[in-house]
Protein backbone atom coordinates (compact mmCIF):
# COMPACT_ATOMS: atom_id res chain seq x y z
CA UNK A 1 16.29 72.24 3.57
CA UNK A 2 14.37 75.20 2.21
CA UNK A 3 12.44 75.41 -1.02
CA UNK A 4 13.54 78.96 -1.81
CA UNK A 5 16.99 80.44 -1.07
CA UNK A 6 15.40 83.65 0.24
CA UNK A 7 14.20 81.76 3.36
CA UNK A 8 17.75 81.92 4.72
CA UNK A 9 17.22 85.66 5.26
CA UNK A 10 14.23 84.97 7.55
CA UNK A 11 16.31 82.94 10.00
CA UNK A 12 17.45 85.18 12.82
CA UNK A 13 20.39 83.08 14.01
CA UNK A 14 22.22 80.95 11.44
CA UNK A 15 25.15 80.10 13.76
CA UNK A 16 23.94 76.49 14.05
CA UNK A 17 23.32 76.11 10.31
CA UNK A 18 26.41 75.13 8.35
CA UNK A 19 24.71 74.26 5.07
CA UNK A 20 21.26 75.06 3.69
CA UNK A 21 20.03 73.15 0.63
CA UNK A 22 17.59 74.95 -1.66
CA UNK A 23 16.03 74.86 -5.11
CA UNK A 24 13.13 76.81 -6.66
CA UNK A 25 15.14 79.10 -8.98
CA UNK A 26 15.87 76.56 -11.75
CA UNK A 27 19.22 78.36 -12.01
CA UNK A 28 17.54 81.24 -13.80
CA UNK A 29 16.20 78.82 -16.47
CA UNK A 30 15.97 81.29 -19.37
CA UNK A 31 18.47 84.03 -20.20
CA UNK A 32 18.00 87.02 -19.68
CA UNK A 33 15.22 86.38 -17.11
CA UNK A 34 17.87 84.99 -14.75
CA UNK A 35 18.58 88.62 -13.84
CA UNK A 36 14.98 89.02 -12.67
CA UNK A 37 15.30 85.91 -10.49
CA UNK A 38 18.34 87.53 -8.85
CA UNK A 39 16.13 90.47 -7.80
CA UNK A 40 13.87 88.10 -5.83
CA UNK A 41 16.35 85.50 -4.58
CA UNK A 42 19.69 86.18 -2.87
CA UNK A 43 21.24 83.10 -4.51
CA UNK A 44 20.33 81.59 -7.89
CA UNK A 45 22.63 78.56 -8.30
CA UNK A 46 25.55 76.70 -6.82
CA UNK A 47 27.37 77.03 -3.50
CA UNK A 48 27.17 80.47 -1.89
CA UNK A 49 28.67 81.88 1.30
CA UNK A 50 25.86 83.47 3.31
CA UNK A 51 27.93 84.46 6.34
CA UNK A 52 30.91 83.21 8.32
CA UNK A 53 28.92 80.21 9.63
CA UNK A 54 26.54 79.32 6.81
CA UNK A 55 26.73 78.30 3.17
CA UNK A 56 23.72 77.95 0.88
CA UNK A 57 23.64 75.46 -2.00
CA UNK A 58 21.02 76.07 -4.70
CA UNK A 59 20.33 73.19 -7.06
CA UNK A 60 19.24 74.16 -10.60
CA UNK A 61 16.99 71.10 -10.82
CA UNK A 62 16.23 68.83 -13.75
CA UNK A 63 12.91 70.28 -14.84
CA UNK A 64 11.56 73.64 -15.77
CA UNK A 65 8.86 76.15 -14.93
CA UNK A 66 6.59 77.62 -17.59
CA UNK A 67 8.01 77.13 -21.08
CA UNK A 68 9.53 73.65 -21.53
CA UNK A 69 13.03 74.94 -22.21
CA UNK A 70 16.29 76.12 -20.63
CA UNK A 71 18.58 78.76 -22.09
CA UNK A 72 21.79 79.52 -20.24
CA UNK A 73 20.92 77.28 -17.27
CA UNK A 74 21.63 73.59 -17.71
CA UNK A 75 19.75 71.01 -15.66
CA UNK A 76 21.51 69.49 -12.66
CA UNK A 77 21.53 66.46 -10.40
CA UNK A 78 23.70 67.07 -7.34
CA UNK A 79 25.61 64.47 -5.36
CA UNK A 80 26.64 65.69 -1.92
CA UNK A 81 29.20 63.87 0.21
CA UNK A 82 29.08 65.09 3.78
CA UNK A 83 31.89 64.15 6.11
């Protein structure tokens, strides 16, 4: 687990990490500011392939930051089934 997706870039060896779960970005929350979030975070939402060993899932969350609104980024509750 990591609060921000960018933390995956600080890990020197991700061979033993198959899946990292993150949040923080709110999926971009308000269009067009989602493009600014992409400048700071390598992944903004959903399942992303980081390298051949590691995937990063970024949950958009159910709340918001700043203005109480979302535009172009729906809220999300994720159910993960690991097997």
